[in-house]
PDB file of N, CA and C in Angstrom:
ATOM      1  N   MET A   1      56.632 111.506  23.949  1.00  0.00           N
ATOM      2  CA  MET A   1      57.504 112.017  24.991  1.00  0.00           C
ATOM      3  C   MET A   1      57.902 113.450  24.644  1.00  0.00           C
ATOM      4  N   ASN A   2      58.030 114.262  25.632  1.00  0.00           N
ATOM      5  CA  ASN A   2      58.392 115.661  25.463  1.00  0.00           C
ATOM      6  C   ASN A   2      59.753 115.786  24.774  1.00  0.00           C
ATOM      7  N   ASN A   3      59.867 116.710  23.789  1.00  0.00           N
ATOM      8  CA  ASN A   3      61.121 116.889  23.052  1.00  0.00           C
ATOM      9  C   ASN A   3      62.271 117.295  23.958  1.00  0.00           C
ATOM     10  N   LYS A   4      62.011 118.120  24.971  1.00  0.00           N
ATOM     11  CA  LYS A   4      63.080 118.539  25.878  1.00  0.00           C
ATOM     12  C   LYS A   4      63.635 117.355  26.660  1.00  0.00           C
ATOM     13  N   ILE A   5      62.765 116.441  27.045  1.00  0.00           N
ATOM     14  CA  ILE A   5      63.209 115.248  27.763  1.00  0.00           C
ATOM     15  C   ILE A   5      64.042 114.375  26.833  1.00  0.00           C
ATOM     16  N   MET A   6      63.606 114.201  25.595  1.00  0.00           N
ATOM     17  CA  MET A   6      64.354 113.399  24.634  1.00  0.00           C
ATOM     18  C   MET A   6      65.712 114.017  24.345  1.00  0.00           C
ATOM     19  N   ASP A   7      65.755 115.350  24.141  1.00  0.00           N
ATOM     20  CA  ASP A   7      67.020 116.031  23.896  1.00  0.00           C
ATOM     21  C   ASP A   7      67.946 115.871  25.090  1.00  0.00           C
ATOM     22  N   SER A   8      67.392 115.940  26.285  1.00  0.00           N
ATOM     23  CA  SER A   8      68.186 115.789  27.497  1.00  0.00           C
ATOM     24  C   SER A   8      68.811 114.402  27.553  1.00  0.00           C
ATOM     25  N   LYS A   9      68.052 113.388  27.174  1.00  0.00           N
ATOM     26  CA  LYS A   9      68.585 112.028  27.175  1.00  0.00           C
ATOM     27  C   LYS A   9      69.694 111.879  26.152  1.00  0.00           C
ATOM     28  N   LYS A  10      69.526 112.484  24.981  1.00  0.00           N
ATOM     29  CA  LYS A  10      70.559 112.411  23.948  1.00  0.00           C
ATOM     30  C   LYS A  10      71.839 113.081  24.428  1.00  0.00           C
ATOM     31  N   ASN A  11      71.726 114.183  25.130  1.00  0.00           N
ATOM     32  CA  ASN A  11      72.898 114.901  25.611  1.00  0.00           C
ATOM     33  C   ASN A  11      73.579 114.188  26.771  1.00  0.00           C
ATOM     34  N   ASN A  12      72.914 113.235  27.390  1.00  0.00           N
ATOM     35  CA  ASN A  12      73.491 112.530  28.532  1.00  0.00           C
ATOM     36  C   ASN A  12      74.018 111.151  28.169  1.00  0.00           C
ATOM     37  N   GLN A  13      74.082 110.839  26.893  1.00  0.00           N
ATOM     38  CA  GLN A  13      74.598 109.542  26.470  1.00  0.00           C
ATOM     39  C   GLN A  13      76.087 109.441  26.784  1.00  0.00           C
ATOM     40  N   ILE A  14      76.514 108.244  27.101  1.00  0.00           N
ATOM     41  CA  ILE A  14      77.936 108.018  27.378  1.00  0.00           C
ATOM     42  C   ILE A  14      78.700 107.835  26.067  1.00  0.00           C
ATOM     43  N   ILE A  15      78.137 107.089  25.139  1.00  0.00           N
ATOM     44  CA  ILE A  15      78.738 106.894  23.819  1.00  0.00           C
ATOM     45  C   ILE A  15      77.752 107.431  22.794  1.00  0.00           C
ATOM     46  N   ASP A  16      78.264 108.294  21.901  1.00  0.00           N
ATOM     47  CA  ASP A  16      77.395 108.888  20.897  1.00  0.00           C
ATOM     48  C   ASP A  16      78.116 108.913  19.550  1.00  0.00           C
ATOM     49  N   LEU A  17      77.497 109.531  18.562  1.00  0.00           N
ATOM     50  CA  LEU A  17      78.075 109.609  17.224  1.00  0.00           C
ATOM     51  C   LEU A  17      79.449 110.270  17.247  1.00  0.00           C
ATOM     52  N   MET A  18      79.630 111.282  18.073  1.00  0.00           N
ATOM     53  CA  MET A  18      80.919 111.972  18.122  1.00  0.00           C
ATOM     54  C   MET A  18      82.015 111.084  18.714  1.00  0.00           C
ATOM     55  N   SER A  19      81.656 110.103  19.506  1.00  0.00           N
ATOM     56  CA  SER A  19      82.648 109.141  20.005  1.00  0.00           C
ATOM     57  C   SER A  19      83.245 108.369  18.830  1.00  0.00           C
ATOM     58  N   ILE A  20      82.413 108.030  17.859  1.00  0.00           N
ATOM     59  CA  ILE A  20      82.872 107.334  16.661  1.00  0.00           C
ATOM     60  C   ILE A  20      83.771 108.259  15.836  1.00  0.00           C
ATOM     61  N   VAL A  21      83.425 109.529  15.759  1.00  0.00           N
ATOM     62  CA  VAL A  21      84.256 110.510  15.053  1.00  0.00           C
ATOM     63  C   VAL A  21      85.623 110.605  15.733  1.00  0.00           C
ATOM     64  N   HIS A  22      85.634 110.642  17.065  1.00  0.00           N
ATOM     65  CA  HIS A  22      86.896 110.649  17.813  1.00  0.00           C
ATOM     66  C   HIS A  22      87.733 109.427  17.420  1.00  0.00           C
ATOM     67  N   PHE A  23      87.100 108.263  17.380  1.00  0.00           N
ATOM     68  CA  PHE A  23      87.800 107.028  17.035  1.00  0.00           C
ATOM     69  C   PHE A  23      88.495 107.162  15.678  1.00  0.00           C
ATOM     70  N   PHE A  24      87.761 107.595  14.657  1.00  0.00           N
ATOM     71  CA  PHE A  24      88.331 107.681  13.313  1.00  0.00           C
ATOM     72  C   PHE A  24      89.403 108.768  13.206  1.00  0.00           C
ATOM     73  N   ASN A  25      89.228 109.880  13.906  1.00  0.00           N
ATOM     74  CA  ASN A  25      90.266 110.915  13.900  1.00  0.00           C
ATOM     75  C   ASN A  25      91.579 110.364  14.453  1.00  0.00           C
ATOM     76  N   PHE A  26      91.499 109.631  15.541  1.00  0.00           N
ATOM     77  CA  PHE A  26      92.710 109.097  16.153  1.00  0.00           C
ATOM     78  C   PHE A  26      93.232 107.867  15.415  1.00  0.00           C
ATOM     79  N   LEU A  27      92.371 107.171  14.706  1.00  0.00           N
ATOM     80  CA  LEU A  27      92.817 106.099  13.827  1.00  0.00           C
ATOM     81  C   LEU A  27      93.746 106.696  12.762  1.00  0.00           C
ATOM     82  N   ILE A  28      93.333 107.792  12.166  1.00  0.00           N
ATOM     83  CA  ILE A  28      94.152 108.479  11.160  1.00  0.00           C
ATOM     84  C   ILE A  28      95.448 108.980  11.784  1.00  0.00           C
ATOM     85  N   LEU A  29      95.362 109.556  12.979  1.00  0.00           N
ATOM     86  CA  LEU A  29      96.564 110.014  13.678  1.00  0.00           C
ATOM     87  C   LEU A  29      97.534 108.846  13.879  1.00  0.00           C
ATOM     88  N   GLY A  30      97.016 107.693  14.273  1.00  0.00           N
ATOM     89  CA  GLY A  30      97.841 106.510  14.501  1.00  0.00           C
ATOM     90  C   GLY A  30      98.469 105.970  13.228  1.00  0.00           C
ATOM     91  N   ILE A  31      97.807 106.148  12.100  1.00  0.00           N
ATOM     92  CA  ILE A  31      98.370 105.690  10.832  1.00  0.00           C
ATOM     93  C   ILE A  31      99.607 106.517  10.469  1.00  0.00           C
ATOM     94  N   PHE A  32      99.559 107.811  10.752  1.00  0.00           N
ATOM     95  CA  PHE A  32     100.637 108.695  10.314  1.00  0.00           C
ATOM     96  C   PHE A  32     101.680 109.005  11.390  1.00  0.00           C
ATOM     97  N   ILE A  33     101.315 108.944  12.653  1.00  0.00           N
ATOM     98  CA  ILE A  33     102.274 109.188  13.736  1.00  0.00           C
ATOM     99  C   ILE A  33     102.348 107.915  14.567  1.00  0.00           C
ATOM    100  N   LYS A  34     103.426 107.199  14.394  1.00  0.00           N
ATOM    101  CA  LYS A  34     103.572 105.875  15.008  1.00  0.00           C
ATOM    102  C   LYS A  34     104.202 105.955  16.398  1.00  0.00           C
ATOM    103  N   ASN A  35     103.756 105.026  17.266  1.00  0.00           N
ATOM    104  CA  ASN A  35     104.372 104.778  18.576  1.00  0.00           C
ATOM    105  C   ASN A  35     104.550 106.016  19.447  1.00  0.00           C
ATOM    106  N   ASN A  36     103.556 106.866  19.472  1.00  0.00           N
ATOM    107  CA  ASN A  36     103.626 108.046  20.334  1.00  0.00           C
ATOM    108  C   ASN A  36     102.312 108.169  21.110  1.00  0.00           C
ATOM    109  N   TYR A  37     102.095 107.200  21.972  1.00  0.00           N
ATOM    110  CA  TYR A  37     100.854 107.131  22.748  1.00  0.00           C
ATOM    111  C   TYR A  37     100.700 108.322  23.686  1.00  0.00           C
ATOM    112  N   THR A  38     101.811 108.792  24.221  1.00  0.00           N
ATOM    113  CA  THR A  38     101.746 109.948  25.126  1.00  0.00           C
ATOM    114  C   THR A  38     101.229 111.168  24.379  1.00  0.00           C
ATOM    115  N   LEU A  39     101.749 111.410  23.183  1.00  0.00           N
ATOM    116  CA  LEU A  39     101.285 112.543  22.374  1.00  0.00           C
ATOM    117  C   LEU A  39      99.796 112.400  22.060  1.00  0.00           C
ATOM    118  N   ALA A  40      99.372 111.194  21.683  1.00  0.00           N
ATOM    119  CA  ALA A  40      97.957 110.966  21.359  1.00  0.00           C
ATOM    120  C   ALA A  40      97.076 111.255  22.570  1.00  0.00           C
ATOM    121  N   LEU A  41      97.495 110.795  23.735  1.00  0.00           N
ATOM    122  CA  LEU A  41      96.714 111.033  24.951  1.00  0.00           C
ATOM    123  C   LEU A  41      96.664 112.525  25.282  1.00  0.00           C
ATOM    124  N   ILE A  42      97.796 113.211  25.162  1.00  0.00           N
ATOM    125  CA  ILE A  42      97.834 114.653  25.442  1.00  0.00           C
ATOM    126  C   ILE A  42      96.938 115.409  24.471  1.00  0.00           C
ATOM    127  N   ILE A  43      96.994 115.066  23.176  1.00  0.00           N
ATOM    128  CA  ILE A  43      96.123 115.717  22.192  1.00  0.00           C
ATOM    129  C   ILE A  43      94.658 115.487  22.562  1.00  0.00           C
ATOM    130  N   GLY A  44      94.319 114.270  22.952  1.00  0.00           N
ATOM    131  CA  GLY A  44      92.939 113.965  23.330  1.00  0.00           C
ATOM    132  C   GLY A  44      92.480 114.753  24.543  1.00  0.00           C
ATOM    133  N   ILE A  45      93.330 114.841  25.558  1.00  0.00           N
ATOM    134  CA  ILE A  45      92.972 115.591  26.775  1.00  0.00           C
ATOM    135  C   ILE A  45      92.839 117.076  26.473  1.00  0.00           C
ATOM    136  N   VAL A  46      93.797 117.613  25.725  1.00  0.00           N
ATOM    137  CA  VAL A  46      93.741 119.045  25.368  1.00  0.00           C
ATOM    138  C   VAL A  46      92.486 119.328  24.546  1.00  0.00           C
ATOM    139  N   TRP A  47      92.156 118.422  23.620  1.00  0.00           N
ATOM    140  CA  TRP A  47      90.956 118.615  22.815  1.00  0.00           C
ATOM    141  C   TRP A  47      89.702 118.627  23.696  1.00  0.00           C
ATOM    142  N   GLU A  48      89.593 117.702  24.632  1.00  0.00           N
ATOM    143  CA  GLU A  48      88.422 117.656  25.509  1.00  0.00           C
ATOM    144  C   GLU A  48      88.305 118.925  26.355  1.00  0.00           C
ATOM    145  N   ILE A  49      89.426 119.430  26.844  1.00  0.00           N
ATOM    146  CA  ILE A  49      89.414 120.676  27.621  1.00  0.00           C
ATOM    147  C   ILE A  49      88.975 121.841  26.732  1.00  0.00           C
ATOM    148  N   LEU A  50      89.536 121.900  25.527  1.00  0.00           N
ATOM    149  CA  LEU A  50      89.174 122.956  24.586  1.00  0.00           C
ATOM    150  C   LEU A  50      87.693 122.867  24.221  1.00  0.00           C
ATOM    151  N   GLU A  51      87.248 121.668  23.916  1.00  0.00           N
ATOM    152  CA  GLU A  51      85.848 121.427  23.551  1.00  0.00           C
ATOM    153  C   GLU A  51      84.912 121.863  24.690  1.00  0.00           C
ATOM    154  N   TYR A  52      85.269 121.510  25.910  1.00  0.00           N
ATOM    155  CA  TYR A  52      84.459 121.893  27.061  1.00  0.00           C
ATOM    156  C   TYR A  52      84.385 123.419  27.193  1.00  0.00           C
ATOM    157  N   ASN A  53      85.535 124.080  27.095  1.00  0.00           N
ATOM    158  CA  ASN A  53      85.562 125.536  27.251  1.00  0.00           C
ATOM    159  C   ASN A  53      84.823 126.247  26.130  1.00  0.00           C
ATOM    160  N   ILE A  54      84.972 125.771  24.911  1.00  0.00           N
ATOM    161  CA  ILE A  54      84.285 126.404  23.779  1.00  0.00           C
ATOM    162  C   ILE A  54      82.775 126.257  23.904  1.00  0.00           C
ATOM    163  N   THR A  55      82.319 125.074  24.281  1.00  0.00           N
ATOM    164  CA  THR A  55      80.873 124.834  24.333  1.00  0.00           C
ATOM    165  C   THR A  55      80.218 125.388  25.593  1.00  0.00           C
ATOM    166  N   ASN A  56      81.012 125.771  26.586  1.00  0.00           N
ATOM    167  CA  ASN A  56      80.439 126.290  27.829  1.00  0.00           C
ATOM    168  C   ASN A  56      80.732 127.765  28.079  1.00  0.00           C
ATOM    169  N   THR A  57      81.355 128.424  27.111  1.00  0.00           N
ATOM    170  CA  THR A  57      81.546 129.867  27.179  1.00  0.00           C
ATOM    171  C   THR A  57      80.418 130.505  26.372  1.00  0.00           C
ATOM    172  N   GLU A  58      79.722 131.448  26.967  1.00  0.00           N
ATOM    173  CA  GLU A  58      78.514 131.998  26.341  1.00  0.00           C
ATOM    174  C   GLU A  58      78.769 132.534  24.933  1.00  0.00           C
ATOM    175  N   TYR A  59      79.849 133.278  24.745  1.00  0.00           N
ATOM    176  CA  TYR A  59      80.128 133.893  23.443  1.00  0.00           C
ATOM    177  C   TYR A  59      80.369 132.834  22.366  1.00  0.00           C
ATOM    178  N   THR A  60      81.265 131.896  22.634  1.00  0.00           N
ATOM    179  CA  THR A  60      81.569 130.880  21.628  1.00  0.00           C
ATOM    180  C   THR A  60      80.396 129.923  21.430  1.00  0.00           C
ATOM    181  N   ARG A  61      79.639 129.693  22.471  1.00  0.00           N
ATOM    182  CA  ARG A  61      78.441 128.858  22.367  1.00  0.00           C
ATOM    183  C   ARG A  61      77.435 129.474  21.387  1.00  0.00           C
ATOM    184  N   CYS A  62      77.253 130.778  21.487  1.00  0.00           N
ATOM    185  CA  CYS A  62      76.348 131.481  20.554  1.00  0.00           C
ATOM    186  C   CYS A  62      76.861 131.386  19.124  1.00  0.00           C
ATOM    187  N   LEU A  63      78.180 131.517  18.955  1.00  0.00           N
ATOM    188  CA  LEU A  63      78.766 131.394  17.621  1.00  0.00           C
ATOM    189  C   LEU A  63      78.559 129.986  17.062  1.00  0.00           C
ATOM    190  N   LEU A  64      78.740 128.977  17.895  1.00  0.00           N
ATOM    191  CA  LEU A  64      78.514 127.602  17.454  1.00  0.00           C
ATOM    192  C   LEU A  64      77.069 127.397  17.008  1.00  0.00           C
ATOM    193  N   LYS A  65      76.144 127.882  17.809  1.00  0.00           N
ATOM    194  CA  LYS A  65      74.726 127.728  17.470  1.00  0.00           C
ATOM    195  C   LYS A  65      74.402 128.408  16.148  1.00  0.00           C
ATOM    196  N   LYS A  66      75.043 129.550  15.907  1.00  0.00           N
ATOM    197  CA  LYS A  66      74.730 130.339  14.719  1.00  0.00           C
ATOM    198  C   LYS A  66      75.437 129.830  13.464  1.00  0.00           C
ATOM    199  N   TYR A  67      76.715 129.425  13.576  1.00  0.00           N
ATOM    200  CA  TYR A  67      77.513 129.153  12.385  1.00  0.00           C
ATOM    201  C   TYR A  67      77.976 127.707  12.212  1.00  0.00           C
ATOM    202  N   TRP A  68      78.052 126.928  13.262  1.00  0.00           N
ATOM    203  CA  TRP A  68      78.603 125.581  13.168  1.00  0.00           C
ATOM    204  C   TRP A  68      77.574 124.653  12.537  1.00  0.00           C
ATOM    205  N   PRO A  69      77.931 123.925  11.474  1.00  0.00           N
ATOM    206  CA  PRO A  69      76.937 123.089  10.788  1.00  0.00           C
ATOM    207  C   PRO A  69      76.553 121.827  11.562  1.00  0.00           C
ATOM    208  N   ILE A  70      77.331 121.449  12.560  1.00  0.00           N
ATOM    209  CA  ILE A  70      77.029 120.244  13.331  1.00  0.00           C
ATOM    210  C   ILE A  70      75.942 120.578  14.361  1.00  0.00           C
ATOM    211  N   PRO A  71      74.886 119.789  14.440  1.00  0.00           N
ATOM    212  CA  PRO A  71      73.783 120.077  15.365  1.00  0.00           C
ATOM    213  C   PRO A  71      74.252 120.144  16.826  1.00  0.00           C
ATOM    214  N   GLN A  72      73.621 121.007  17.574  1.00  0.00           N
ATOM    215  CA  GLN A  72      73.971 121.221  18.979  1.00  0.00           C
ATOM    216  C   GLN A  72      73.907 119.937  19.782  1.00  0.00           C
ATOM    217  N   ARG A  73      72.975 119.067  19.500  1.00  0.00           N
ATOM    218  CA  ARG A  73      72.833 117.831  20.265  1.00  0.00           C
ATOM    219  C   ARG A  73      74.083 116.954  20.168  1.00  0.00           C
ATOM    220  N   LEU A  74      74.902 117.158  19.129  1.00  0.00           N
ATOM    221  CA  LEU A  74      76.109 116.354  18.969  1.00  0.00           C
ATOM    222  C   LEU A  74      77.322 116.948  19.691  1.00  0.00           C
ATOM    223  N   TRP A  75      77.402 118.260  19.786  1.00  0.00           N
ATOM    224  CA  TRP A  75      78.572 118.861  20.432  1.00  0.00           C
ATOM    225  C   TRP A  75      78.323 119.291  21.865  1.00  0.00           C
ATOM    226  N   GLU A  76      77.106 119.255  22.310  1.00  0.00           N
ATOM    227  CA  GLU A  76      76.796 119.661  23.675  1.00  0.00           C
ATOM    228  C   GLU A  76      76.865 118.433  24.583  1.00  0.00           C
ATOM    229  N   GLU A  77      77.980 118.301  25.286  1.00  0.00           N
ATOM    230  CA  GLU A  77      78.183 117.152  26.161  1.00  0.00           C
ATOM    231  C   GLU A  77      77.853 117.542  27.590  1.00  0.00           C
ATOM    232  N   LYS A  78      76.822 116.924  28.136  1.00  0.00           N
ATOM    233  CA  LYS A  78      76.411 117.202  29.512  1.00  0.00           C
ATOM    234  C   LYS A  78      76.920 116.140  30.475  1.00  0.00           C
ATOM    235  N   ASN A  79      77.470 115.074  29.943  1.00  0.00           N
ATOM    236  CA  ASN A  79      77.841 113.924  30.755  1.00  0.00           C
ATOM    237  C   ASN A  79      79.361 113.794  30.818  1.00  0.00           C
ATOM    238  N   PHE A  80      79.920 113.838  32.024  1.00  0.00           N
ATOM    239  CA  PHE A  80      81.364 113.708  32.201  1.00  0.00           C
ATOM    240  C   PHE A  80      81.877 112.383  31.661  1.00  0.00           C
ATOM    241  N   LEU A  81      81.097 111.315  31.846  1.00  0.00           N
ATOM    242  CA  LEU A  81      81.517 109.998  31.356  1.00  0.00           C
ATOM    243  C   LEU A  81      81.667 109.975  29.840  1.00  0.00           C
ATOM    244  N   ASN A  82      80.894 110.793  29.132  1.00  0.00           N
ATOM    245  CA  ASN A  82      81.034 110.881  27.686  1.00  0.00           C
ATOM    246  C   ASN A  82      82.420 111.387  27.317  1.00  0.00           C
ATOM    247  N   ARG A  83      82.934 112.352  28.063  1.00  0.00           N
ATOM    248  CA  ARG A  83      84.285 112.874  27.802  1.00  0.00           C
ATOM    249  C   ARG A  83      85.336 111.796  28.070  1.00  0.00           C
ATOM    250  N   VAL A  84      85.139 111.034  29.130  1.00  0.00           N
ATOM    251  CA  VAL A  84      86.066 109.947  29.458  1.00  0.00           C
ATOM    252  C   VAL A  84      86.042 108.899  28.344  1.00  0.00           C
ATOM    253  N   PHE A  85      84.855 108.526  27.891  1.00  0.00           N
ATOM    254  CA  PHE A  85      84.754 107.539  26.827  1.00  0.00           C
ATOM    255  C   PHE A  85      85.298 108.067  25.506  1.00  0.00           C
ATOM    256  N   ASP A  86      85.194 109.374  25.262  1.00  0.00           N
ATOM    257  CA  ASP A  86      85.826 109.949  24.071  1.00  0.00           C
ATOM    258  C   ASP A  86      87.334 109.716  24.122  1.00  0.00           C
ATOM    259  N   LEU A  87      87.939 109.888  25.283  1.00  0.00           N
ATOM    260  CA  LEU A  87      89.382 109.637  25.430  1.00  0.00           C
ATOM    261  C   LEU A  87      89.706 108.159  25.199  1.00  0.00           C
ATOM    262  N   ILE A  88      88.845 107.287  25.691  1.00  0.00           N
ATOM    263  CA  ILE A  88      89.050 105.844  25.477  1.00  0.00           C
ATOM    264  C   ILE A  88      88.943 105.516  23.988  1.00  0.00           C
ATOM    265  N   PHE A  89      87.939 106.072  23.310  1.00  0.00           N
ATOM    266  CA  PHE A  89      87.784 105.850  21.871  1.00  0.00           C
ATOM    267  C   PHE A  89      88.989 106.407  21.121  1.00  0.00           C
ATOM    268  N   ASN A  90      89.500 107.567  21.563  1.00  0.00           N
ATOM    269  CA  ASN A  90      90.705 108.134  20.951  1.00  0.00           C
ATOM    270  C   ASN A  90      91.839 107.123  20.985  1.00  0.00           C
ATOM    271  N   MET A  91      92.089 106.579  22.166  1.00  0.00           N
ATOM    272  CA  MET A  91      93.239 105.697  22.343  1.00  0.00           C
ATOM    273  C   MET A  91      93.046 104.357  21.628  1.00  0.00           C
ATOM    274  N   ILE A  92      91.822 103.854  21.579  1.00  0.00           N
ATOM    275  CA  ILE A  92      91.559 102.625  20.814  1.00  0.00           C
ATOM    276  C   ILE A  92      91.815 102.889  19.331  1.00  0.00           C
ATOM    277  N   GLY A  93      91.309 104.019  18.835  1.00  0.00           N
ATOM    278  CA  GLY A  93      91.542 104.392  17.436  1.00  0.00           C
ATOM    279  C   GLY A  93      93.021 104.555  17.145  1.00  0.00           C
ATOM    280  N   TYR A  94      93.738 105.214  18.050  1.00  0.00           N
ATOM    281  CA  TYR A  94      95.170 105.416  17.854  1.00  0.00           C
ATOM    282  C   TYR A  94      95.907 104.074  17.843  1.00  0.00           C
ATOM    283  N   CYS A  95      95.567 103.210  18.749  1.00  0.00           N
ATOM    284  CA  CYS A  95      96.211 101.895  18.848  1.00  0.00           C
ATOM    285  C   CYS A  95      96.012 101.091  17.555  1.00  0.00           C
ATOM    286  N   ILE A  96      94.807 101.071  17.045  1.00  0.00           N
ATOM    287  CA  ILE A  96      94.523 100.348  15.794  1.00  0.00           C
ATOM    288  C   ILE A  96      95.239 101.019  14.629  1.00  0.00           C
ATOM    289  N   GLY A  97      95.168 102.353  14.560  1.00  0.00           N
ATOM    290  CA  GLY A  97      95.861 103.066  13.487  1.00  0.00           C
ATOM    291  C   GLY A  97      97.357 102.871  13.542  1.00  0.00           C
ATOM    292  N   ASN A  98      97.887 102.792  14.732  1.00  0.00           N
ATOM    293  CA  ASN A  98      99.319 102.588  14.922  1.00  0.00           C
ATOM    294  C   ASN A  98      99.780 101.241  14.346  1.00  0.00           C
ATOM    295  N   ARG A  99      98.899 100.261  14.324  1.00  0.00           N
ATOM    296  CA  ARG A  99      99.238  98.919  13.817  1.00  0.00           C
ATOM    297  C   ARG A  99      99.054  98.786  12.308  1.00  0.00           C
ATOM    298  N   ILE A 100      98.392  99.754  11.697  1.00  0.00           N
ATOM    299  CA  ILE A 100      98.172  99.713  10.251  1.00  0.00           C
ATOM    300  C   ILE A 100      99.442 100.181   9.554  1.00  0.00           C
ATOM    301  N   LYS A 101      99.916  99.365   8.649  1.00  0.00           N
ATOM    302  CA  LYS A 101     101.120  99.712   7.884  1.00  0.00           C
ATOM    303  C   LYS A 101     100.710 100.222   6.502  1.00  0.00           C
ATOM    304  N   ILE A 102     101.245 101.375   6.145  1.00  0.00           N
ATOM    305  CA  ILE A 102     100.928 101.899   4.803  1.00  0.00           C
ATOM    306  C   ILE A 102     102.180 101.955   3.959  1.00  0.00           C
TER     307      ILE A 102
END
């Protein structure tokens, strides 16, 4: 199969490796900041907006390609549902982290 077609399919996934990263980041947030679901949701939404703007602005996109160690296929989200599922993974991670007592 053509590499461009395969890359396109990877970029259109609804759940990907970065969704798992979102989960663990918010799990940690939930461990240390308890019972603040509104804050967690706002952080997740702001992050998705920031992520979208950074990856879709030509200047910052070029910088990411040149200097960011994470492969482009992981940070280039072409699918709106992927962003929605990232928010869902955030909140699931936060909820579980919120229940962990340290």
